[in-house]
Amino acid sequence: GDLAGFRPIRAIAGATYLLTDGPQDVPASAAQPVII
């Protein structure tokens, strides 16, 4: 209901949702937060 400013990256297998905050779609080396 509330993305709280995080950006959707991808939906996987119809059951998993990835979000981040930052320009990278595949964040590397903890450069951005990841929400699973």
Full PDB file with SEQRES, HELIX, SHEET, SSBOND, CRYST1, ORIGX, SCALE, CONECT and MASTER records, all heavy atoms in Angstrom:
SEQRES   1 A   36  GLY ASP LEU ALA GLY PHE ARG PRO ILE ARG ALA ILE ALA          
SEQRES   2 A   36  GLY ALA THR TYR LEU LEU THR ASP GLY PRO GLN ASP VAL          
SEQRES   3 A   36  PRO ALA SER ALA ALA GLN PRO VAL ILE ILE                      
SHEET    1 AA1 3 ARG A   7  ILE A  12  0                                        
SHEET    2 AA1 3 THR A  16  THR A  20 -1                                        
SHEET    3 AA1 3 VAL A  34  ILE A  35 -1                                        
CRYST1    1.000    1.000    1.000  90.00  90.00  90.00 P 1           1          
ORIGX1      1.000000  0.000000  0.000000        0.00000                         
ORIGX2      0.000000  1.000000  0.000000        0.00000                         
ORIGX3      0.000000  0.000000  1.000000        0.00000                         
SCALE1      1.000000  0.000000  0.000000        0.00000                         
SCALE2      0.000000  1.000000  0.000000        0.00000                         
SCALE3      0.000000  0.000000  1.000000        0.00000                         
ATOM      1  N   GLY A   1       0.793  -1.220   0.000  1.00  0.00           N  
ATOM      2  CA  GLY A   1       0.000   0.000   0.000  1.00  0.00           C  
ATOM      3  C   GLY A   1       0.826   1.272   0.000  1.00  0.00           C  
ATOM      4  O   GLY A   1       0.374   2.306  -0.484  1.00  0.00           O  
ATOM      5  N   ASP A   2       2.058   1.206   0.552  1.00  0.00           N  
ATOM      6  CA  ASP A   2       2.897   2.393   0.673  1.00  0.00           C  
ATOM      7  C   ASP A   2       4.332   2.004   0.324  1.00  0.00           C  
ATOM      8  O   ASP A   2       4.993   1.285   1.075  1.00  0.00           O  
ATOM      9  CB  ASP A   2       2.823   2.932   2.109  1.00  0.00           C  
ATOM     10  CG  ASP A   2       3.617   4.218   2.311  1.00  0.00           C  
ATOM     11  OD1 ASP A   2       4.318   4.653   1.367  1.00  0.00           O  
ATOM     12  OD2 ASP A   2       3.542   4.785   3.427  1.00  0.00           O  
ATOM     13  N   LEU A   3       4.824   2.479  -0.819  1.00  0.00           N  
ATOM     14  CA  LEU A   3       6.191   2.159  -1.239  1.00  0.00           C  
ATOM     15  C   LEU A   3       7.235   2.910  -0.426  1.00  0.00           C  
ATOM     16  O   LEU A   3       8.426   2.576  -0.503  1.00  0.00           O  
ATOM     17  CB  LEU A   3       6.384   2.471  -2.728  1.00  0.00           C  
ATOM     18  CG  LEU A   3       5.577   1.627  -3.715  1.00  0.00           C  
ATOM     19  CD1 LEU A   3       5.882   2.061  -5.153  1.00  0.00           C  
ATOM     20  CD2 LEU A   3       5.879   0.142  -3.546  1.00  0.00           C  
ATOM     21  N   ALA A   4       6.815   3.902   0.321  1.00  0.00           N  
ATOM     22  CA  ALA A   4       7.706   4.651   1.213  1.00  0.00           C  
ATOM     23  C   ALA A   4       8.935   5.202   0.486  1.00  0.00           C  
ATOM     24  O   ALA A   4      10.011   5.322   1.068  1.00  0.00           O  
ATOM     25  CB  ALA A   4       8.149   3.761   2.384  1.00  0.00           C  
ATOM     26  N   GLY A   5       8.771   5.537  -0.773  1.00  0.00           N  
ATOM     27  CA  GLY A   5       9.858   6.125  -1.542  1.00  0.00           C  
ATOM     28  C   GLY A   5      10.798   5.131  -2.185  1.00  0.00           C  
ATOM     29  O   GLY A   5      11.722   5.529  -2.908  1.00  0.00           O  
ATOM     30  N   PHE A   6      10.584   3.831  -1.974  1.00  0.00           N  
ATOM     31  CA  PHE A   6      11.421   2.827  -2.624  1.00  0.00           C  
ATOM     32  C   PHE A   6      10.932   2.586  -4.052  1.00  0.00           C  
ATOM     33  O   PHE A   6       9.755   2.776  -4.365  1.00  0.00           O  
ATOM     34  CB  PHE A   6      11.412   1.519  -1.830  1.00  0.00           C  
ATOM     35  CG  PHE A   6      12.123   1.612  -0.517  1.00  0.00           C  
ATOM     36  CD1 PHE A   6      11.410   1.775   0.667  1.00  0.00           C  
ATOM     37  CD2 PHE A   6      13.510   1.544  -0.457  1.00  0.00           C  
ATOM     38  CE1 PHE A   6      12.064   1.874   1.879  1.00  0.00           C  
ATOM     39  CE2 PHE A   6      14.175   1.646   0.760  1.00  0.00           C  
ATOM     40  CZ  PHE A   6      13.454   1.807   1.928  1.00  0.00           C  
ATOM     41  N   ARG A   7      11.859   2.167  -4.906  1.00  0.00           N  
ATOM     42  CA  ARG A   7      11.567   1.995  -6.332  1.00  0.00           C  
ATOM     43  C   ARG A   7      11.481   0.517  -6.701  1.00  0.00           C  
ATOM     44  O   ARG A   7      12.397  -0.245  -6.434  1.00  0.00           O  
ATOM     45  CB  ARG A   7      12.665   2.669  -7.162  1.00  0.00           C  
ATOM     46  CG  ARG A   7      12.503   2.520  -8.673  1.00  0.00           C  
ATOM     47  CD  ARG A   7      13.526   3.370  -9.407  1.00  0.00           C  
ATOM     48  NE  ARG A   7      14.902   2.920  -9.187  1.00  0.00           N  
ATOM     49  CZ  ARG A   7      15.507   1.953  -9.884  1.00  0.00           C  
ATOM     50  NH1 ARG A   7      14.845   1.310 -10.841  1.00  0.00           N  
ATOM     51  NH2 ARG A   7      16.760   1.617  -9.632  1.00  0.00           N  
ATOM     52  N   PRO A   8      10.373   0.084  -7.332  1.00  0.00           N  
ATOM     53  CA  PRO A   8      10.278  -1.304  -7.781  1.00  0.00           C  
ATOM     54  C   PRO A   8      11.348  -1.618  -8.831  1.00  0.00           C  
ATOM     55  O   PRO A   8      11.603  -0.807  -9.732  1.00  0.00           O  
ATOM     56  CB  PRO A   8       8.875  -1.391  -8.387  1.00  0.00           C  
ATOM     57  CG  PRO A   8       8.113  -0.270  -7.757  1.00  0.00           C  
ATOM     58  CD  PRO A   8       9.116   0.829  -7.568  1.00  0.00           C  
ATOM     59  N   ILE A   9      11.957  -2.804  -8.713  1.00  0.00           N  
ATOM     60  CA  ILE A   9      12.939  -3.258  -9.696  1.00  0.00           C  
ATOM     61  C   ILE A   9      12.368  -4.388 -10.546  1.00  0.00           C  
ATOM     62  O   ILE A   9      12.401  -4.347 -11.764  1.00  0.00           O  
ATOM     63  CB  ILE A   9      14.228  -3.796  -9.018  1.00  0.00           C  
ATOM     64  CG1 ILE A   9      14.850  -2.775  -8.105  1.00  0.00           C  
ATOM     65  CG2 ILE A   9      15.229  -4.237 -10.085  1.00  0.00           C  
ATOM     66  CD1 ILE A   9      16.011  -3.333  -7.299  1.00  0.00           C  
ATOM     67  N   ARG A  10      11.821  -5.410  -9.858  1.00  0.00           N  
ATOM     68  CA  ARG A  10      11.427  -6.600 -10.594  1.00  0.00           C  
ATOM     69  C   ARG A  10      10.478  -7.451  -9.768  1.00  0.00           C  
ATOM     70  O   ARG A  10      10.530  -7.458  -8.545  1.00  0.00           O  
ATOM     71  CB  ARG A  10      12.661  -7.434 -10.959  1.00  0.00           C  
ATOM     72  CG  ARG A  10      12.392  -8.551 -11.957  1.00  0.00           C  
ATOM     73  CD  ARG A  10      13.702  -9.154 -12.456  1.00  0.00           C  
ATOM     74  NE  ARG A  10      13.453 -10.138 -13.489  1.00  0.00           N  
ATOM     75  CZ  ARG A  10      13.365  -9.860 -14.782  1.00  0.00           C  
ATOM     76  NH1 ARG A  10      13.515  -8.622 -15.183  1.00  0.00           N  
ATOM     77  NH2 ARG A  10      13.125 -10.811 -15.671  1.00  0.00           N  
ATOM     78  N   ALA A  11       9.590  -8.176 -10.469  1.00  0.00           N  
ATOM     79  CA  ALA A  11       8.790  -9.236  -9.866  1.00  0.00           C  
ATOM     80  C   ALA A  11       9.342 -10.565 -10.383  1.00  0.00           C  
ATOM     81  O   ALA A  11       9.662 -10.689 -11.563  1.00  0.00           O  
ATOM     82  CB  ALA A  11       7.321  -9.090 -10.247  1.00  0.00           C  
ATOM     83  N   ILE A  12       9.491 -11.541  -9.513  1.00  0.00           N  
ATOM     84  CA  ILE A  12      10.110 -12.819  -9.868  1.00  0.00           C  
ATOM     85  C   ILE A  12       9.158 -13.961  -9.532  1.00  0.00           C  
ATOM     86  O   ILE A  12       8.634 -14.044  -8.422  1.00  0.00           O  
ATOM     87  CB  ILE A  12      11.441 -13.033  -9.117  1.00  0.00           C  
ATOM     88  CG1 ILE A  12      12.440 -11.929  -9.475  1.00  0.00           C  
ATOM     89  CG2 ILE A  12      12.039 -14.398  -9.419  1.00  0.00           C  
ATOM     90  CD1 ILE A  12      13.736 -12.002  -8.701  1.00  0.00           C  
ATOM     91  N   ALA A  13       8.959 -14.836 -10.511  1.00  0.00           N  
ATOM     92  CA  ALA A  13       8.228 -16.091 -10.315  1.00  0.00           C  
ATOM     93  C   ALA A  13       6.809 -15.902  -9.793  1.00  0.00           C  
ATOM     94  O   ALA A  13       6.234 -16.808  -9.203  1.00  0.00           O  
ATOM     95  CB  ALA A  13       9.005 -17.018  -9.370  1.00  0.00           C  
ATOM     96  N   GLY A  14       6.224 -14.731 -10.012  1.00  0.00           N  
ATOM     97  CA  GLY A  14       4.853 -14.501  -9.594  1.00  0.00           C  
ATOM     98  C   GLY A  14       4.654 -14.466  -8.099  1.00  0.00           C  
ATOM     99  O   GLY A  14       3.516 -14.483  -7.614  1.00  0.00           O  
ATOM    100  N   ALA A  15       5.763 -14.404  -7.311  1.00  0.00           N  
ATOM    101  CA  ALA A  15       5.620 -14.462  -5.869  1.00  0.00           C  
ATOM    102  C   ALA A  15       6.620 -13.600  -5.115  1.00  0.00           C  
ATOM    103  O   ALA A  15       6.514 -13.480  -3.902  1.00  0.00           O  
ATOM    104  CB  ALA A  15       5.752 -15.911  -5.393  1.00  0.00           C  
ATOM    105  N   THR A  16       7.596 -13.017  -5.808  1.00  0.00           N  
ATOM    106  CA  THR A  16       8.654 -12.255  -5.151  1.00  0.00           C  
ATOM    107  C   THR A  16       8.792 -10.887  -5.819  1.00  0.00           C  
ATOM    108  O   THR A  16       8.678 -10.768  -7.026  1.00  0.00           O  
ATOM    109  CB  THR A  16       9.994 -13.016  -5.227  1.00  0.00           C  
ATOM    110  OG1 THR A  16       9.833 -14.301  -4.610  1.00  0.00           O  
ATOM    111  CG2 THR A  16      11.097 -12.261  -4.511  1.00  0.00           C  
ATOM    112  N   TYR A  17       9.064  -9.885  -5.003  1.00  0.00           N  
ATOM    113  CA  TYR A  17       9.074  -8.489  -5.448  1.00  0.00           C  
ATOM    114  C   TYR A  17      10.347  -7.845  -4.913  1.00  0.00           C  
ATOM    115  O   TYR A  17      10.653  -7.944  -3.726  1.00  0.00           O  
ATOM    116  CB  TYR A  17       7.821  -7.834  -4.863  1.00  0.00           C  
ATOM    117  CG  TYR A  17       7.463  -6.438  -5.287  1.00  0.00           C  
ATOM    118  CD1 TYR A  17       8.020  -5.810  -6.404  1.00  0.00           C  
ATOM    119  CD2 TYR A  17       6.514  -5.722  -4.549  1.00  0.00           C  
ATOM    120  CE1 TYR A  17       7.643  -4.524  -6.755  1.00  0.00           C  
ATOM    121  CE2 TYR A  17       6.123  -4.437  -4.901  1.00  0.00           C  
ATOM    122  CZ  TYR A  17       6.692  -3.840  -6.001  1.00  0.00           C  
ATOM    123  OH  TYR A  17       6.321  -2.572  -6.353  1.00  0.00           O  
ATOM    124  N   LEU A  18      11.117  -7.198  -5.795  1.00  0.00           N  
ATOM    125  CA  LEU A  18      12.349  -6.526  -5.400  1.00  0.00           C  
ATOM    126  C   LEU A  18      12.196  -5.019  -5.555  1.00  0.00           C  
ATOM    127  O   LEU A  18      11.655  -4.542  -6.547  1.00  0.00           O  
ATOM    128  CB  LEU A  18      13.523  -6.997  -6.265  1.00  0.00           C  
ATOM    129  CG  LEU A  18      13.860  -8.489  -6.288  1.00  0.00           C  
ATOM    130  CD1 LEU A  18      15.099  -8.728  -7.154  1.00  0.00           C  
ATOM    131  CD2 LEU A  18      14.075  -9.024  -4.898  1.00  0.00           C  
ATOM    132  N   LEU A  19      12.710  -4.271  -4.572  1.00  0.00           N  
ATOM    133  CA  LEU A  19      12.699  -2.811  -4.615  1.00  0.00           C  
ATOM    134  C   LEU A  19      14.047  -2.288  -4.132  1.00  0.00           C  
ATOM    135  O   LEU A  19      14.805  -2.992  -3.460  1.00  0.00           O  
ATOM    136  CB  LEU A  19      11.596  -2.248  -3.729  1.00  0.00           C  
ATOM    137  CG  LEU A  19      10.159  -2.708  -3.982  1.00  0.00           C  
ATOM    138  CD1 LEU A  19       9.792  -3.854  -3.050  1.00  0.00           C  
ATOM    139  CD2 LEU A  19       9.167  -1.573  -3.796  1.00  0.00           C  
ATOM    140  N   THR A  20      14.338  -1.039  -4.465  1.00  0.00           N  
ATOM    141  CA  THR A  20      15.573  -0.413  -4.024  1.00  0.00           C  
ATOM    142  C   THR A  20      15.350   1.092  -3.886  1.00  0.00           C  
ATOM    143  O   THR A  20      14.251   1.595  -4.088  1.00  0.00           O  
ATOM    144  CB  THR A  20      16.726  -0.717  -5.007  1.00  0.00           C  
ATOM    145  OG1 THR A  20      17.962  -0.293  -4.435  1.00  0.00           O  
ATOM    146  CG2 THR A  20      16.520  -0.017  -6.348  1.00  0.00           C  
ATOM    147  N   ASP A  21      16.429   1.795  -3.582  1.00  0.00           N  
ATOM    148  CA  ASP A  21      16.423   3.257  -3.582  1.00  0.00           C  
ATOM    149  C   ASP A  21      17.754   3.676  -4.189  1.00  0.00           C  
ATOM    150  O   ASP A  21      18.800   3.538  -3.549  1.00  0.00           O  
ATOM    151  CB  ASP A  21      16.281   3.801  -2.162  1.00  0.00           C  
ATOM    152  CG  ASP A  21      16.142   5.317  -2.136  1.00  0.00           C  
ATOM    153  OD1 ASP A  21      16.529   5.969  -3.132  1.00  0.00           O  
ATOM    154  OD2 ASP A  21      15.669   5.849  -1.118  1.00  0.00           O  
ATOM    155  N   GLY A  22      17.710   4.155  -5.428  1.00  0.00           N  
ATOM    156  CA  GLY A  22      18.926   4.514  -6.137  1.00  0.00           C  
ATOM    157  C   GLY A  22      18.821   4.153  -7.601  1.00  0.00           C  
ATOM    158  O   GLY A  22      17.854   3.524  -8.032  1.00  0.00           O  
ATOM    159  N   PRO A  23      19.812   4.525  -8.401  1.00  0.00           N  
ATOM    160  CA  PRO A  23      19.713   4.373  -9.851  1.00  0.00           C  
ATOM    161  C   PRO A  23      19.980   2.965 -10.372  1.00  0.00           C  
ATOM    162  O   PRO A  23      19.568   2.637 -11.479  1.00  0.00           O  
ATOM    163  CB  PRO A  23      20.782   5.341 -10.376  1.00  0.00           C  
ATOM    164  CG  PRO A  23      21.807   5.381  -9.276  1.00  0.00           C  
ATOM    165  CD  PRO A  23      21.017   5.290  -8.006  1.00  0.00           C  
ATOM    166  N   GLN A  24      20.674   2.133  -9.594  1.00  0.00           N  
ATOM    167  CA  GLN A  24      21.054   0.810 -10.098  1.00  0.00           C  
ATOM    168  C   GLN A  24      19.892  -0.176  -9.983  1.00  0.00           C  
ATOM    169  O   GLN A  24      19.254  -0.279  -8.931  1.00  0.00           O  
ATOM    170  CB  GLN A  24      22.257   0.267  -9.330  1.00  0.00           C  
ATOM    171  CG  GLN A  24      23.520   1.094  -9.437  1.00  0.00           C  
ATOM    172  CD  GLN A  24      24.648   0.501  -8.619  1.00  0.00           C  
ATOM    173  OE1 GLN A  24      24.734  -0.699  -8.402  1.00  0.00           O  
ATOM    174  NE2 GLN A  24      25.545   1.356  -8.144  1.00  0.00           N  
ATOM    175  N   ASP A  25      19.642  -0.916 -11.079  1.00  0.00           N  
ATOM    176  CA  ASP A  25      18.620  -1.957 -11.028  1.00  0.00           C  
ATOM    177  C   ASP A  25      19.157  -3.251 -10.433  1.00  0.00           C  
ATOM    178  O   ASP A  25      18.384  -4.083  -9.944  1.00  0.00           O  
ATOM    179  CB  ASP A  25      18.069  -2.242 -12.437  1.00  0.00           C  
ATOM    180  CG  ASP A  25      17.133  -1.149 -12.915  1.00  0.00           C  
ATOM    181  OD1 ASP A  25      16.697  -0.331 -12.070  1.00  0.00           O  
ATOM    182  OD2 ASP A  25      16.846  -1.096 -14.123  1.00  0.00           O  
ATOM    183  N   VAL A  26      20.463  -3.454 -10.494  1.00  0.00           N  
ATOM    184  CA  VAL A  26      21.109  -4.604  -9.859  1.00  0.00           C  
ATOM    185  C   VAL A  26      22.198  -4.052  -8.949  1.00  0.00           C  
ATOM    186  O   VAL A  26      23.369  -3.980  -9.339  1.00  0.00           O  
ATOM    187  CB  VAL A  26      21.695  -5.580 -10.893  1.00  0.00           C  
ATOM    188  CG1 VAL A  26      22.286  -6.805 -10.191  1.00  0.00           C  
ATOM    189  CG2 VAL A  26      20.627  -6.015 -11.890  1.00  0.00           C  
ATOM    190  N   PRO A  27      21.846  -3.621  -7.758  1.00  0.00           N  
ATOM    191  CA  PRO A  27      22.828  -3.001  -6.869  1.00  0.00           C  
ATOM    192  C   PRO A  27      23.994  -3.934  -6.577  1.00  0.00           C  
ATOM    193  O   PRO A  27      23.810  -5.125  -6.357  1.00  0.00           O  
ATOM    194  CB  PRO A  27      22.019  -2.714  -5.596  1.00  0.00           C  
ATOM    195  CG  PRO A  27      20.606  -2.644  -6.061  1.00  0.00           C  
ATOM    196  CD  PRO A  27      20.505  -3.631  -7.178  1.00  0.00           C  
ATOM    197  N   ALA A  28      25.202  -3.395  -6.582  1.00  0.00           N  
ATOM    198  CA  ALA A  28      26.398  -4.197  -6.347  1.00  0.00           C  
ATOM    199  C   ALA A  28      27.100  -3.733  -5.083  1.00  0.00           C  
ATOM    200  O   ALA A  28      27.145  -2.535  -4.779  1.00  0.00           O  
ATOM    201  CB  ALA A  28      27.338  -4.087  -7.543  1.00  0.00           C  
ATOM    202  N   SER A  29      27.646  -4.713  -4.353  1.00  0.00           N  
ATOM    203  CA  SER A  29      28.470  -4.424  -3.172  1.00  0.00           C  
ATOM    204  C   SER A  29      27.777  -3.492  -2.182  1.00  0.00           C  
ATOM    205  O   SER A  29      28.371  -2.545  -1.668  1.00  0.00           O  
ATOM    206  CB  SER A  29      29.812  -3.827  -3.607  1.00  0.00           C  
ATOM    207  OG  SER A  29      30.500  -4.704  -4.463  1.00  0.00           O  
ATOM    208  N   ALA A  30      26.505  -3.764  -1.919  1.00  0.00           N  
ATOM    209  CA  ALA A  30      25.724  -3.003  -0.936  1.00  0.00           C  
ATOM    210  C   ALA A  30      25.668  -1.515  -1.251  1.00  0.00           C  
ATOM    211  O   ALA A  30      25.527  -0.680  -0.357  1.00  0.00           O  
ATOM    212  CB  ALA A  30      26.277  -3.227   0.478  1.00  0.00           C  
ATOM    213  N   ALA A  31      25.786  -1.164  -2.532  1.00  0.00           N  
ATOM    214  CA  ALA A  31      25.763   0.239  -2.924  1.00  0.00           C  
ATOM    215  C   ALA A  31      24.410   0.878  -2.670  1.00  0.00           C  
ATOM    216  O   ALA A  31      24.316   2.089  -2.462  1.00  0.00           O  
ATOM    217  CB  ALA A  31      26.133   0.374  -4.396  1.00  0.00           C  
ATOM    218  N   GLN A  32      23.340   0.092  -2.700  1.00  0.00           N  
ATOM    219  CA  GLN A  32      21.988   0.585  -2.471  1.00  0.00           C  
ATOM    220  C   GLN A  32      21.248  -0.394  -1.572  1.00  0.00           C  
ATOM    221  O   GLN A  32      21.575  -1.585  -1.541  1.00  0.00           O  
ATOM    222  CB  GLN A  32      21.222   0.711  -3.801  1.00  0.00           C  
ATOM    223  CG  GLN A  32      21.778   1.739  -4.747  1.00  0.00           C  
ATOM    224  CD  GLN A  32      21.100   1.720  -6.119  1.00  0.00           C  
ATOM    225  OE1 GLN A  32      21.548   2.377  -7.035  1.00  0.00           O  
ATOM    226  NE2 GLN A  32      20.024   0.953  -6.261  1.00  0.00           N  
ATOM    227  N   PRO A  33      20.225   0.082  -0.867  1.00  0.00           N  
ATOM    228  CA  PRO A  33      19.391  -0.844  -0.093  1.00  0.00           C  
ATOM    229  C   PRO A  33      18.602  -1.747  -1.032  1.00  0.00           C  
ATOM    230  O   PRO A  33      18.258  -1.351  -2.156  1.00  0.00           O  
ATOM    231  CB  PRO A  33      18.449   0.093   0.672  1.00  0.00           C  
ATOM    232  CG  PRO A  33      18.370   1.311  -0.181  1.00  0.00           C  
ATOM    233  CD  PRO A  33      19.745   1.465  -0.791  1.00  0.00           C  
ATOM    234  N   VAL A  34      18.336  -2.953  -0.589  1.00  0.00           N  
ATOM    235  CA  VAL A  34      17.488  -3.873  -1.338  1.00  0.00           C  
ATOM    236  C   VAL A  34      16.380  -4.362  -0.424  1.00  0.00           C  
ATOM    237  O   VAL A  34      16.630  -4.737   0.725  1.00  0.00           O  
ATOM    238  CB  VAL A  34      18.292  -5.075  -1.874  1.00  0.00           C  
ATOM    239  CG1 VAL A  34      17.357  -6.152  -2.410  1.00  0.00           C  
ATOM    240  CG2 VAL A  34      19.240  -4.631  -2.974  1.00  0.00           C  
ATOM    241  N   ILE A  35      15.153  -4.324  -0.926  1.00  0.00           N  
ATOM    242  CA  ILE A  35      14.012  -4.904  -0.227  1.00  0.00           C  
ATOM    243  C   ILE A  35      13.519  -6.093  -1.037  1.00  0.00           C  
ATOM    244  O   ILE A  35      13.310  -5.992  -2.256  1.00  0.00           O  
ATOM    245  CB  ILE A  35      12.878  -3.880  -0.043  1.00  0.00           C  
ATOM    246  CG1 ILE A  35      13.308  -2.786   0.924  1.00  0.00           C  
ATOM    247  CG2 ILE A  35      11.601  -4.562   0.466  1.00  0.00           C  
ATOM    248  CD1 ILE A  35      12.292  -1.686   1.099  1.00  0.00           C  
ATOM    249  N   ILE A  36      13.362  -7.221  -0.369  1.00  0.00           N  
ATOM    250  CA  ILE A  36      12.856  -8.444  -0.987  1.00  0.00           C  
ATOM    251  C   ILE A  36      11.546  -8.787  -0.296  1.00  0.00           C  
ATOM    252  O   ILE A  36      11.515  -8.935   0.927  1.00  0.00           O  
ATOM    253  CB  ILE A  36      13.854  -9.609  -0.826  1.00  0.00           C  
ATOM    254  CG1 ILE A  36      15.225  -9.234  -1.380  1.00  0.00           C  
ATOM    255  CG2 ILE A  36      13.316 -10.873  -1.509  1.00  0.00           C  
ATOM    256  CD1 ILE A  36      16.342 -10.134  -0.905  1.00  0.00           C  
TER     257      ILE A  36                                                      
MASTER        0    0    0    0    3    0    0    6  256    1    0    3          
END                                                                             
